N, C-alpha and C. Protein backbone atom coordinates (compact mmCIF):
# COMPACT_ATOMS: atom_id res chain seq x y z
N MET A 1 113.88 106.56 103.71
CA MET A 1 114.11 105.49 104.67
C MET A 1 114.09 104.14 103.95
N THR A 2 115.09 103.33 104.15
CA THR A 2 115.15 102.02 103.52
C THR A 2 114.49 101.00 104.43
N ALA A 3 113.51 100.29 103.88
CA ALA A 3 112.76 99.31 104.66
C ALA A 3 113.27 97.91 104.36
N PRO A 4 113.14 96.99 105.33
CA PRO A 4 113.51 95.61 105.06
C PRO A 4 112.69 95.04 103.91
N ASP A 5 113.28 94.12 103.16
CA ASP A 5 112.58 93.47 102.05
C ASP A 5 111.89 92.24 102.57
N ASN A 6 110.53 92.28 102.59
CA ASN A 6 109.76 91.15 103.10
C ASN A 6 109.23 90.26 101.98
N SER A 7 109.66 90.47 100.75
CA SER A 7 109.12 89.70 99.64
C SER A 7 109.72 88.30 99.63
N PRO A 8 108.87 87.27 99.44
CA PRO A 8 109.41 85.92 99.32
C PRO A 8 110.33 85.82 98.11
N ASP A 9 111.34 84.96 98.19
CA ASP A 9 112.27 84.75 97.08
C ASP A 9 111.63 83.75 96.12
N ARG A 10 110.86 84.26 95.17
CA ARG A 10 110.10 83.39 94.29
C ARG A 10 110.19 83.83 92.83
N GLY A 11 111.21 84.64 92.50
CA GLY A 11 111.38 85.06 91.12
C GLY A 11 110.51 86.24 90.78
N PRO A 12 110.41 86.58 89.48
CA PRO A 12 109.62 87.74 89.06
C PRO A 12 108.16 87.61 89.50
N VAL A 13 107.59 88.74 89.90
CA VAL A 13 106.21 88.75 90.35
C VAL A 13 105.36 89.39 89.26
N ARG A 14 104.30 88.70 88.84
CA ARG A 14 103.42 89.20 87.80
C ARG A 14 102.36 90.13 88.38
N THR A 15 101.77 90.96 87.53
CA THR A 15 100.71 91.85 87.94
C THR A 15 99.60 91.06 88.64
N GLY A 16 99.21 91.51 89.82
CA GLY A 16 98.13 90.87 90.56
C GLY A 16 98.56 89.66 91.36
N GLU A 17 99.80 89.21 91.19
CA GLU A 17 100.30 88.06 91.94
C GLU A 17 100.79 88.52 93.31
N ALA A 18 100.65 87.66 94.31
CA ALA A 18 101.09 88.01 95.66
C ALA A 18 102.61 87.94 95.76
N ARG A 19 103.24 89.04 96.13
CA ARG A 19 104.68 89.01 96.39
C ARG A 19 104.94 88.75 97.87
N LEU A 20 103.92 88.89 98.69
CA LEU A 20 103.97 88.50 100.11
C LEU A 20 102.70 87.72 100.39
N ASP A 21 102.83 86.57 101.00
CA ASP A 21 101.68 85.72 101.32
C ASP A 21 101.98 85.00 102.62
N GLU A 22 101.39 85.48 103.71
CA GLU A 22 101.67 84.93 105.03
C GLU A 22 100.36 84.59 105.74
N VAL A 23 100.34 83.46 106.41
CA VAL A 23 99.26 83.13 107.33
C VAL A 23 99.72 83.51 108.73
N LEU A 24 99.01 84.45 109.34
CA LEU A 24 99.35 84.88 110.70
C LEU A 24 98.65 83.98 111.70
N ALA A 25 99.43 83.28 112.50
CA ALA A 25 98.85 82.45 113.55
C ALA A 25 98.13 83.34 114.56
N PRO A 26 97.23 82.76 115.38
CA PRO A 26 96.63 83.54 116.45
C PRO A 26 97.69 84.25 117.28
N ARG A 27 97.45 85.54 117.58
CA ARG A 27 98.34 86.41 118.36
C ARG A 27 99.57 86.88 117.59
N ALA A 28 99.74 86.51 116.34
CA ALA A 28 100.94 86.87 115.59
C ALA A 28 100.85 88.29 115.03
N ARG A 29 101.95 88.77 114.45
CA ARG A 29 102.02 90.13 113.91
C ARG A 29 102.97 90.13 112.73
N ILE A 30 102.90 91.21 111.94
CA ILE A 30 103.76 91.34 110.78
C ILE A 30 103.95 92.81 110.44
N GLY A 31 105.13 93.17 109.97
CA GLY A 31 105.42 94.50 109.46
C GLY A 31 106.07 94.37 108.10
N PHE A 32 105.73 95.25 107.16
CA PHE A 32 106.25 95.14 105.80
C PHE A 32 106.10 96.47 105.08
N ALA A 33 106.84 96.60 103.98
CA ALA A 33 106.74 97.77 103.13
C ALA A 33 105.80 97.49 101.97
N MET A 34 105.13 98.54 101.49
CA MET A 34 104.30 98.46 100.29
C MET A 34 104.66 99.62 99.37
N ASP A 35 104.59 99.36 98.06
CA ASP A 35 104.77 100.41 97.07
C ASP A 35 103.40 100.95 96.66
N ARG A 36 103.39 102.20 96.27
CA ARG A 36 102.16 102.81 95.78
C ARG A 36 101.54 101.95 94.67
N GLY A 37 100.24 101.72 94.78
CA GLY A 37 99.52 100.93 93.78
C GLY A 37 99.39 99.46 94.13
N GLU A 38 100.24 98.96 95.02
CA GLU A 38 100.08 97.58 95.46
C GLU A 38 98.82 97.46 96.31
N VAL A 39 98.32 96.23 96.42
CA VAL A 39 97.07 95.98 97.12
C VAL A 39 97.31 95.01 98.27
N LEU A 40 96.85 95.39 99.45
CA LEU A 40 96.90 94.53 100.63
C LEU A 40 95.57 93.79 100.75
N ARG A 41 95.64 92.48 100.78
CA ARG A 41 94.44 91.68 101.01
C ARG A 41 94.56 90.98 102.36
N ILE A 42 93.56 91.16 103.22
CA ILE A 42 93.51 90.48 104.52
C ILE A 42 92.28 89.57 104.50
N THR A 43 92.51 88.27 104.72
CA THR A 43 91.43 87.29 104.68
C THR A 43 91.23 86.68 106.05
N ASP A 44 89.98 86.66 106.49
CA ASP A 44 89.59 86.02 107.75
C ASP A 44 89.35 84.55 107.45
N LEU A 45 90.29 83.70 107.79
CA LEU A 45 90.25 82.31 107.34
C LEU A 45 89.15 81.49 107.98
N GLU A 46 88.83 81.77 109.25
CA GLU A 46 87.81 80.97 109.93
C GLU A 46 86.61 81.79 110.41
N GLY A 47 86.71 83.11 110.33
CA GLY A 47 85.61 83.97 110.71
C GLY A 47 85.78 84.60 112.09
N GLN A 48 85.30 85.85 112.21
CA GLN A 48 85.24 86.58 113.49
C GLN A 48 86.61 86.84 114.11
N GLN A 49 87.61 87.11 113.27
CA GLN A 49 88.94 87.44 113.76
C GLN A 49 89.34 88.84 113.31
N VAL A 50 89.79 89.66 114.25
CA VAL A 50 90.10 91.07 113.99
C VAL A 50 91.58 91.25 113.68
N ALA A 51 91.87 92.14 112.72
CA ALA A 51 93.23 92.56 112.40
C ALA A 51 93.37 94.05 112.71
N ASP A 52 94.27 94.41 113.60
CA ASP A 52 94.58 95.81 113.87
C ASP A 52 95.65 96.27 112.89
N LEU A 53 95.37 97.34 112.16
CA LEU A 53 96.26 97.80 111.09
C LEU A 53 96.67 99.25 111.31
N VAL A 54 97.97 99.53 111.14
CA VAL A 54 98.49 100.90 111.12
C VAL A 54 99.38 101.05 109.90
N CYS A 55 99.58 102.28 109.44
CA CYS A 55 100.45 102.51 108.29
C CYS A 55 101.07 103.90 108.35
N PHE A 56 102.21 104.04 107.67
CA PHE A 56 103.02 105.24 107.67
C PHE A 56 103.47 105.56 106.25
N ASN A 57 103.65 106.84 105.98
CA ASN A 57 104.36 107.27 104.77
C ASN A 57 105.79 106.74 104.88
N ARG A 58 106.21 105.91 103.94
CA ARG A 58 107.52 105.25 104.04
C ARG A 58 108.67 106.23 103.96
N HIS A 59 108.47 107.39 103.33
CA HIS A 59 109.54 108.35 103.14
C HIS A 59 109.52 109.48 104.18
N ASN A 60 108.49 109.49 104.99
CA ASN A 60 108.37 110.50 106.06
C ASN A 60 107.44 109.90 107.11
N THR A 61 108.01 109.14 108.03
CA THR A 61 107.18 108.38 108.96
C THR A 61 106.48 109.25 110.00
N ALA A 62 106.78 110.56 110.03
CA ALA A 62 105.98 111.46 110.86
C ALA A 62 104.56 111.57 110.32
N GLU A 63 104.38 111.26 109.03
CA GLU A 63 103.03 111.21 108.46
C GLU A 63 102.53 109.78 108.59
N LYS A 64 101.41 109.62 109.27
CA LYS A 64 100.93 108.28 109.59
C LYS A 64 99.41 108.28 109.73
N LEU A 65 98.86 107.09 109.84
CA LEU A 65 97.42 106.93 109.96
C LEU A 65 96.84 107.78 111.09
N SER A 66 95.76 108.47 110.79
CA SER A 66 94.97 109.15 111.82
C SER A 66 93.53 108.65 111.69
N VAL A 67 93.11 107.82 112.63
CA VAL A 67 91.72 107.36 112.59
C VAL A 67 90.76 108.52 112.87
N HIS A 68 91.22 109.52 113.60
CA HIS A 68 90.35 110.67 113.91
C HIS A 68 90.08 111.49 112.65
N VAL A 69 91.13 111.78 111.88
CA VAL A 69 90.95 112.51 110.63
C VAL A 69 90.08 111.69 109.68
N THR A 70 90.32 110.39 109.64
CA THR A 70 89.54 109.52 108.76
C THR A 70 88.07 109.52 109.13
N MET A 71 87.77 109.39 110.42
CA MET A 71 86.37 109.40 110.86
C MET A 71 85.68 110.72 110.53
N MET A 72 86.35 111.82 110.78
CA MET A 72 85.73 113.12 110.52
C MET A 72 85.51 113.33 109.03
N ASP A 73 86.43 112.84 108.21
CA ASP A 73 86.30 113.01 106.77
C ASP A 73 85.10 112.26 106.22
N GLN A 74 84.89 111.01 106.71
CA GLN A 74 83.79 110.22 106.16
C GLN A 74 82.54 110.26 107.02
N GLY A 75 82.62 110.90 108.20
CA GLY A 75 81.44 111.08 109.04
C GLY A 75 80.90 109.79 109.61
N SER A 76 81.79 108.82 109.89
CA SER A 76 81.35 107.53 110.41
C SER A 76 82.47 106.87 111.17
N ILE A 77 82.11 106.04 112.15
CA ILE A 77 83.11 105.24 112.87
C ILE A 77 83.41 103.94 112.12
N TYR A 78 82.66 103.69 111.04
CA TYR A 78 82.86 102.48 110.26
C TYR A 78 83.54 102.80 108.94
N MET A 79 84.52 101.98 108.60
CA MET A 79 85.21 102.14 107.32
C MET A 79 84.43 101.39 106.25
N VAL A 80 84.14 102.05 105.13
CA VAL A 80 83.34 101.41 104.09
C VAL A 80 84.07 101.45 102.76
N LYS A 81 83.67 100.57 101.87
CA LYS A 81 84.29 100.45 100.54
C LYS A 81 84.24 101.78 99.80
N GLY A 82 85.37 102.13 99.19
CA GLY A 82 85.48 103.37 98.44
C GLY A 82 86.06 104.51 99.25
N LYS A 83 86.13 104.36 100.57
CA LYS A 83 86.69 105.40 101.44
C LYS A 83 88.17 105.15 101.68
N SER A 84 88.86 106.21 102.12
CA SER A 84 90.31 106.13 102.30
C SER A 84 90.70 106.30 103.76
N LEU A 85 91.76 105.60 104.14
CA LEU A 85 92.42 105.85 105.41
C LEU A 85 93.30 107.08 105.22
N LEU A 86 93.07 108.11 106.04
CA LEU A 86 93.79 109.37 105.88
C LEU A 86 94.89 109.51 106.93
N SER A 87 95.89 110.29 106.58
CA SER A 87 97.00 110.56 107.49
C SER A 87 96.71 111.78 108.36
N ASN A 88 97.62 112.04 109.30
CA ASN A 88 97.53 113.24 110.11
C ASN A 88 97.71 114.51 109.29
N ASP A 89 98.18 114.38 108.04
CA ASP A 89 98.27 115.51 107.10
C ASP A 89 97.12 115.52 106.11
N CYS A 90 96.12 114.66 106.35
CA CYS A 90 94.90 114.58 105.52
C CYS A 90 95.16 114.04 104.12
N ASN A 91 96.24 113.31 103.94
CA ASN A 91 96.50 112.65 102.67
C ASN A 91 96.01 111.20 102.71
N SER A 92 95.65 110.66 101.56
CA SER A 92 95.19 109.28 101.49
C SER A 92 96.36 108.32 101.57
N LEU A 93 96.33 107.45 102.56
CA LEU A 93 97.34 106.41 102.72
C LEU A 93 96.93 105.14 101.98
N MET A 94 95.68 104.71 102.20
CA MET A 94 95.15 103.50 101.59
C MET A 94 93.67 103.71 101.30
N THR A 95 93.18 103.05 100.25
CA THR A 95 91.76 103.10 99.91
C THR A 95 91.19 101.69 99.95
N LEU A 96 90.04 101.55 100.60
CA LEU A 96 89.36 100.26 100.69
C LEU A 96 88.65 99.99 99.37
N THR A 97 89.19 99.07 98.58
CA THR A 97 88.68 98.84 97.23
C THR A 97 87.78 97.62 97.12
N GLU A 98 87.93 96.65 98.02
CA GLU A 98 87.07 95.46 98.04
C GLU A 98 86.77 95.09 99.49
N ASP A 99 85.54 94.59 99.72
CA ASP A 99 85.13 94.28 101.09
C ASP A 99 83.95 93.31 101.04
N THR A 100 84.14 92.11 101.56
CA THR A 100 83.05 91.13 101.58
C THR A 100 82.36 91.03 102.93
N CYS A 101 82.81 91.82 103.90
CA CYS A 101 82.23 91.78 105.25
C CYS A 101 81.30 92.95 105.51
N GLY A 102 81.81 94.18 105.34
CA GLY A 102 80.97 95.35 105.49
C GLY A 102 80.95 95.99 106.85
N ARG A 103 81.71 95.49 107.81
CA ARG A 103 81.76 96.13 109.13
C ARG A 103 83.18 96.11 109.67
N HIS A 104 83.76 97.30 109.78
CA HIS A 104 85.13 97.48 110.26
C HIS A 104 85.15 98.74 111.11
N ASP A 105 86.02 98.78 112.11
CA ASP A 105 85.96 99.83 113.12
C ASP A 105 87.12 100.82 113.04
N LEU A 106 86.80 102.09 113.24
CA LEU A 106 87.81 103.15 113.35
C LEU A 106 87.90 103.74 114.75
N LEU A 107 87.00 103.35 115.63
CA LEU A 107 86.83 104.04 116.91
C LEU A 107 87.58 103.42 118.08
N ALA A 108 87.65 102.10 118.14
CA ALA A 108 88.01 101.42 119.38
C ALA A 108 89.51 101.37 119.67
N GLY A 109 90.36 101.74 118.71
CA GLY A 109 91.79 101.71 118.99
C GLY A 109 92.34 100.30 119.09
N SER A 110 93.42 100.13 119.84
CA SER A 110 94.09 98.83 119.98
C SER A 110 94.12 98.41 121.44
N CYS A 111 93.96 97.12 121.68
CA CYS A 111 94.08 96.64 123.06
C CYS A 111 95.52 96.82 123.52
N ASN A 112 95.69 97.05 124.82
CA ASN A 112 97.02 97.29 125.38
C ASN A 112 97.07 96.79 126.81
N GLU A 113 98.25 96.78 127.38
CA GLU A 113 98.46 96.24 128.73
C GLU A 113 97.57 96.93 129.76
N GLY A 114 97.55 98.26 129.75
CA GLY A 114 96.78 98.98 130.75
C GLY A 114 95.29 98.76 130.61
N ALA A 115 94.79 98.79 129.39
CA ALA A 115 93.36 98.59 129.17
C ALA A 115 92.94 97.18 129.55
N ASN A 116 93.78 96.19 129.25
CA ASN A 116 93.43 94.82 129.61
C ASN A 116 93.37 94.63 131.12
N PHE A 117 94.27 95.30 131.85
CA PHE A 117 94.21 95.20 133.31
C PHE A 117 92.95 95.89 133.84
N LYS A 118 92.63 97.05 133.31
CA LYS A 118 91.45 97.77 133.77
C LYS A 118 90.16 96.99 133.49
N ARG A 119 90.10 96.36 132.33
CA ARG A 119 88.88 95.61 131.96
C ARG A 119 88.77 94.27 132.65
N TYR A 120 89.90 93.54 132.70
CA TYR A 120 89.83 92.14 133.09
C TYR A 120 90.63 91.80 134.35
N GLY A 121 91.40 92.77 134.87
CA GLY A 121 92.19 92.51 136.06
C GLY A 121 93.37 91.59 135.81
N LEU A 122 93.87 91.56 134.57
CA LEU A 122 94.95 90.66 134.20
C LEU A 122 96.19 91.44 133.81
N HIS A 123 97.35 91.01 134.32
CA HIS A 123 98.63 91.61 133.95
C HIS A 123 99.29 90.79 132.84
N HIS A 124 100.14 91.47 132.04
CA HIS A 124 101.02 90.82 131.06
C HIS A 124 100.25 89.99 130.03
N THR A 125 99.12 90.50 129.60
CA THR A 125 98.35 89.81 128.57
C THR A 125 98.88 90.18 127.18
N PRO A 126 98.87 89.24 126.24
CA PRO A 126 99.18 89.61 124.85
C PRO A 126 98.22 90.71 124.39
N ASN A 127 98.73 91.66 123.61
CA ASN A 127 97.88 92.78 123.18
C ASN A 127 98.41 93.35 121.87
N CYS A 128 97.54 94.10 121.19
CA CYS A 128 97.88 94.60 119.86
C CYS A 128 98.96 95.68 119.90
N ARG A 129 98.97 96.52 120.92
CA ARG A 129 100.00 97.56 120.98
C ARG A 129 101.39 96.94 121.06
N CYS A 130 101.56 95.93 121.90
CA CYS A 130 102.86 95.26 121.99
C CYS A 130 103.18 94.52 120.69
N ASN A 131 102.17 93.91 120.07
CA ASN A 131 102.38 93.24 118.79
C ASN A 131 102.91 94.21 117.73
N LEU A 132 102.27 95.38 117.65
CA LEU A 132 102.68 96.36 116.64
C LEU A 132 104.06 96.92 116.95
N GLU A 133 104.39 97.06 118.22
CA GLU A 133 105.72 97.53 118.59
C GLU A 133 106.79 96.57 118.07
N VAL A 134 106.56 95.28 118.23
CA VAL A 134 107.53 94.28 117.76
C VAL A 134 107.57 94.25 116.24
N ALA A 135 106.41 94.31 115.60
CA ALA A 135 106.34 94.21 114.13
C ALA A 135 107.05 95.38 113.46
N LEU A 136 107.00 96.56 114.07
CA LEU A 136 107.52 97.77 113.43
C LEU A 136 108.92 98.16 113.92
N ALA A 137 109.44 97.45 114.90
CA ALA A 137 110.79 97.75 115.40
C ALA A 137 111.85 97.68 114.30
N PRO A 138 111.79 96.72 113.36
CA PRO A 138 112.82 96.69 112.31
C PRO A 138 112.84 97.93 111.42
N PHE A 139 111.76 98.71 111.45
CA PHE A 139 111.68 99.94 110.65
C PHE A 139 112.07 101.17 111.47
N GLY A 140 112.54 100.96 112.70
CA GLY A 140 112.97 102.06 113.53
C GLY A 140 111.82 102.86 114.12
N LEU A 141 110.65 102.24 114.26
CA LEU A 141 109.46 102.93 114.76
C LEU A 141 109.16 102.47 116.19
N PRO A 142 109.43 103.31 117.19
CA PRO A 142 109.15 102.93 118.57
C PRO A 142 107.66 103.04 118.88
N LEU A 143 107.26 102.45 119.98
CA LEU A 143 105.85 102.41 120.36
C LEU A 143 105.23 103.80 120.41
N ARG A 144 105.97 104.78 120.93
CA ARG A 144 105.40 106.13 121.08
C ARG A 144 105.03 106.76 119.73
N GLU A 145 105.59 106.26 118.63
CA GLU A 145 105.29 106.80 117.30
C GLU A 145 104.18 106.03 116.58
N ILE A 146 103.72 104.93 117.17
CA ILE A 146 102.73 104.09 116.50
C ILE A 146 101.32 104.59 116.82
N PRO A 147 100.53 104.93 115.81
CA PRO A 147 99.19 105.45 116.06
C PRO A 147 98.23 104.34 116.46
N TYR A 148 97.06 104.76 116.91
CA TYR A 148 96.01 103.76 117.16
C TYR A 148 95.42 103.33 115.83
N SER A 149 94.81 102.16 115.81
CA SER A 149 94.64 101.37 114.60
C SER A 149 93.26 101.47 113.95
N PHE A 150 93.27 101.11 112.66
CA PHE A 150 92.06 100.75 111.94
C PHE A 150 91.86 99.25 112.18
N ASN A 151 90.66 98.86 112.61
CA ASN A 151 90.42 97.49 113.05
C ASN A 151 89.55 96.74 112.05
N VAL A 152 90.24 95.97 111.21
CA VAL A 152 89.57 95.21 110.16
C VAL A 152 88.75 94.08 110.79
N PHE A 153 87.48 93.98 110.40
CA PHE A 153 86.51 93.00 110.86
C PHE A 153 85.98 93.26 112.28
N MET A 154 86.46 94.27 112.97
CA MET A 154 85.96 94.54 114.32
C MET A 154 84.58 95.18 114.26
N ASN A 155 83.72 94.80 115.19
CA ASN A 155 82.33 95.24 115.21
C ASN A 155 82.06 95.99 116.52
N VAL A 156 81.98 97.31 116.41
CA VAL A 156 81.67 98.15 117.56
C VAL A 156 80.26 98.72 117.37
N ASP A 157 79.40 98.45 118.32
CA ASP A 157 78.01 98.87 118.25
C ASP A 157 77.86 100.26 118.87
N LEU A 158 77.32 101.19 118.11
CA LEU A 158 77.12 102.57 118.57
C LEU A 158 75.63 102.83 118.75
N LYS A 159 75.23 103.21 119.96
CA LYS A 159 73.83 103.48 120.27
C LYS A 159 73.50 104.94 120.01
N PRO A 160 72.20 105.27 119.80
CA PRO A 160 71.80 106.65 119.55
C PRO A 160 72.20 107.62 120.66
N ASP A 161 72.32 107.12 121.90
CA ASP A 161 72.70 107.99 123.01
C ASP A 161 74.21 108.14 123.15
N GLY A 162 74.97 107.52 122.22
CA GLY A 162 76.43 107.62 122.25
C GLY A 162 77.11 106.46 122.94
N ALA A 163 76.36 105.58 123.58
CA ALA A 163 76.96 104.42 124.24
C ALA A 163 77.57 103.49 123.19
N ILE A 164 78.71 102.89 123.54
CA ILE A 164 79.38 101.97 122.62
C ILE A 164 79.68 100.66 123.33
N ARG A 165 79.74 99.60 122.55
CA ARG A 165 80.17 98.30 123.08
C ARG A 165 80.71 97.48 121.94
N THR A 166 81.71 96.66 122.26
CA THR A 166 82.26 95.73 121.29
C THR A 166 81.41 94.47 121.27
N VAL A 167 81.01 94.05 120.07
CA VAL A 167 80.23 92.83 119.91
C VAL A 167 80.96 91.91 118.93
N GLU A 168 80.43 90.72 118.75
CA GLU A 168 81.11 89.75 117.90
C GLU A 168 81.16 90.22 116.45
N PRO A 169 82.28 89.99 115.76
CA PRO A 169 82.40 90.39 114.36
C PRO A 169 81.36 89.72 113.48
N LEU A 170 81.08 90.37 112.35
CA LEU A 170 80.15 89.82 111.36
C LEU A 170 80.86 88.97 110.33
N SER A 171 82.18 88.99 110.31
CA SER A 171 82.94 88.30 109.26
C SER A 171 82.79 86.79 109.37
N LYS A 172 82.69 86.17 108.20
CA LYS A 172 82.60 84.72 108.07
C LYS A 172 83.89 84.18 107.47
N ALA A 173 84.07 82.87 107.54
CA ALA A 173 85.26 82.25 106.96
C ALA A 173 85.37 82.62 105.48
N GLY A 174 86.52 83.13 105.10
CA GLY A 174 86.77 83.51 103.71
C GLY A 174 86.50 84.96 103.40
N ASP A 175 85.88 85.72 104.31
CA ASP A 175 85.68 87.15 104.07
C ASP A 175 87.04 87.85 103.97
N PHE A 176 87.10 88.89 103.13
CA PHE A 176 88.37 89.59 102.94
C PHE A 176 88.13 91.06 102.65
N VAL A 177 89.19 91.83 102.85
CA VAL A 177 89.23 93.22 102.41
C VAL A 177 90.45 93.39 101.52
N GLU A 178 90.37 94.37 100.62
CA GLU A 178 91.54 94.77 99.84
C GLU A 178 91.72 96.28 99.98
N LEU A 179 92.95 96.67 100.29
CA LEU A 179 93.30 98.07 100.50
C LEU A 179 94.44 98.44 99.56
N ARG A 180 94.20 99.41 98.70
CA ARG A 180 95.22 99.87 97.75
C ARG A 180 96.11 100.92 98.42
N ALA A 181 97.41 100.74 98.29
CA ALA A 181 98.36 101.73 98.81
C ALA A 181 98.35 102.96 97.90
N ASP A 182 98.07 104.12 98.48
CA ASP A 182 98.03 105.36 97.71
C ASP A 182 99.33 106.15 97.79
N MET A 183 100.29 105.63 98.52
CA MET A 183 101.66 106.13 98.55
C MET A 183 102.53 104.98 99.00
N ASP A 184 103.85 105.13 98.94
CA ASP A 184 104.75 104.12 99.49
C ASP A 184 104.57 104.08 101.00
N LEU A 185 104.42 102.87 101.54
CA LEU A 185 104.00 102.73 102.93
C LEU A 185 104.89 101.77 103.71
N ILE A 186 104.84 101.93 105.03
CA ILE A 186 105.19 100.89 105.99
C ILE A 186 103.90 100.50 106.68
N VAL A 187 103.64 99.20 106.77
CA VAL A 187 102.38 98.70 107.33
C VAL A 187 102.68 97.74 108.47
N GLY A 188 101.90 97.85 109.54
CA GLY A 188 101.97 96.91 110.64
C GLY A 188 100.59 96.31 110.88
N ILE A 189 100.53 95.01 111.11
CA ILE A 189 99.27 94.31 111.38
C ILE A 189 99.45 93.41 112.59
N SER A 190 98.49 93.47 113.50
CA SER A 190 98.42 92.55 114.64
C SER A 190 97.20 91.66 114.47
N ASN A 191 97.41 90.35 114.52
CA ASN A 191 96.28 89.43 114.59
C ASN A 191 95.80 89.46 116.04
N CYS A 192 94.72 90.18 116.28
CA CYS A 192 94.34 90.59 117.64
C CYS A 192 94.31 89.42 118.60
N PRO A 193 95.06 89.51 119.73
CA PRO A 193 95.14 88.41 120.69
C PRO A 193 94.12 88.46 121.81
N SER A 194 93.14 89.36 121.73
CA SER A 194 92.18 89.51 122.81
C SER A 194 91.20 88.34 122.82
N ASP A 195 91.19 87.58 123.92
CA ASP A 195 90.27 86.44 124.04
C ASP A 195 89.39 86.53 125.28
N GLN A 196 89.33 87.71 125.89
CA GLN A 196 88.55 87.88 127.12
C GLN A 196 87.13 88.40 126.86
N GLY A 197 86.88 88.91 125.66
CA GLY A 197 85.58 89.46 125.34
C GLY A 197 85.14 89.02 123.96
N PRO A 198 84.09 89.65 123.42
CA PRO A 198 83.52 89.22 122.14
C PRO A 198 84.28 89.72 120.91
N CYS A 199 85.36 90.49 121.10
CA CYS A 199 86.07 91.11 119.98
C CYS A 199 86.38 90.13 118.86
N ASN A 200 86.87 88.94 119.21
CA ASN A 200 87.23 87.91 118.24
C ASN A 200 86.33 86.69 118.33
N GLY A 201 85.09 86.91 118.77
CA GLY A 201 84.16 85.79 118.88
C GLY A 201 84.57 84.77 119.92
N TYR A 202 85.36 85.19 120.92
CA TYR A 202 85.81 84.34 122.03
C TYR A 202 86.73 83.20 121.58
N LYS A 203 87.27 83.29 120.36
CA LYS A 203 88.16 82.25 119.86
C LYS A 203 89.18 82.87 118.92
N LEU A 204 90.45 82.66 119.17
CA LEU A 204 91.50 83.23 118.34
C LEU A 204 91.82 82.32 117.17
N THR A 205 91.85 82.89 115.96
CA THR A 205 92.04 82.10 114.74
C THR A 205 93.01 82.82 113.80
N PRO A 206 93.50 82.15 112.75
CA PRO A 206 94.50 82.75 111.87
C PRO A 206 93.90 83.72 110.86
N LEU A 207 94.77 84.58 110.34
CA LEU A 207 94.46 85.49 109.25
C LEU A 207 95.47 85.27 108.13
N ARG A 208 95.05 85.54 106.91
CA ARG A 208 95.98 85.50 105.78
C ARG A 208 96.25 86.92 105.31
N VAL A 209 97.51 87.26 105.11
CA VAL A 209 97.93 88.59 104.67
C VAL A 209 98.68 88.43 103.36
N GLU A 210 98.20 89.12 102.32
CA GLU A 210 98.85 89.09 101.02
C GLU A 210 99.09 90.53 100.55
N VAL A 211 100.20 90.73 99.86
CA VAL A 211 100.45 91.98 99.14
C VAL A 211 100.49 91.63 97.66
N LEU A 212 99.57 92.22 96.89
CA LEU A 212 99.43 91.93 95.48
C LEU A 212 100.13 92.99 94.66
N ARG A 213 100.85 92.55 93.65
CA ARG A 213 101.58 93.46 92.77
C ARG A 213 100.63 94.45 92.11
N ALA A 214 101.06 95.69 91.98
CA ALA A 214 100.23 96.73 91.37
C ALA A 214 99.95 96.42 89.92
N PRO A 215 98.73 96.75 89.44
CA PRO A 215 98.45 96.60 88.02
C PRO A 215 99.41 97.46 87.20
N GLU A 216 99.77 96.97 86.04
CA GLU A 216 100.67 97.74 85.17
C GLU A 216 99.93 98.93 84.59
N ALA A 217 100.65 100.02 84.44
CA ALA A 217 100.04 101.24 83.90
C ALA A 217 99.62 101.01 82.45
């Protein structure tokens, strides 16, 4: 599958240099291709802002992120440094190589129109599912094919009795994660637009998204 070229026109890219560098405004989204070995860096510019992330095998998009397989493999609802996001075929899509925050969610999925109405009684609210649908449309990926997300910086509190609740993120201004692509990928990111609860600290702020060139062999 041929993916659109999202690289800025800036000449040759050196090892470790960003070939994609975008600041996502509040409620914004982005879709892009990554090559194996490249590194995705997501930076929380002002603190307490969640990024919903999904990814696909670029050469076989039926293989895609499975948060369920990932959770069962690592035995936790939290993604931690050194662990991998796994596909529905149990292959490693991305590995979390750097993390200055330490709390990210695999359980809560993505906000959507129906859930927002059920929770808040509001119709036609911006949401991550619609964001990801728009971001991934240029790659021929309809909403029905988009999995539920890994939620960078999201803080979901799990009680001993199994009760869960979303609380304010722990991320501070400048916190970042780095995820290494373990195969050629298509990636979609939504700068979460939820402002009705504590998910984003009750204030929507920008995120920075960079794709860093793979180290030379």
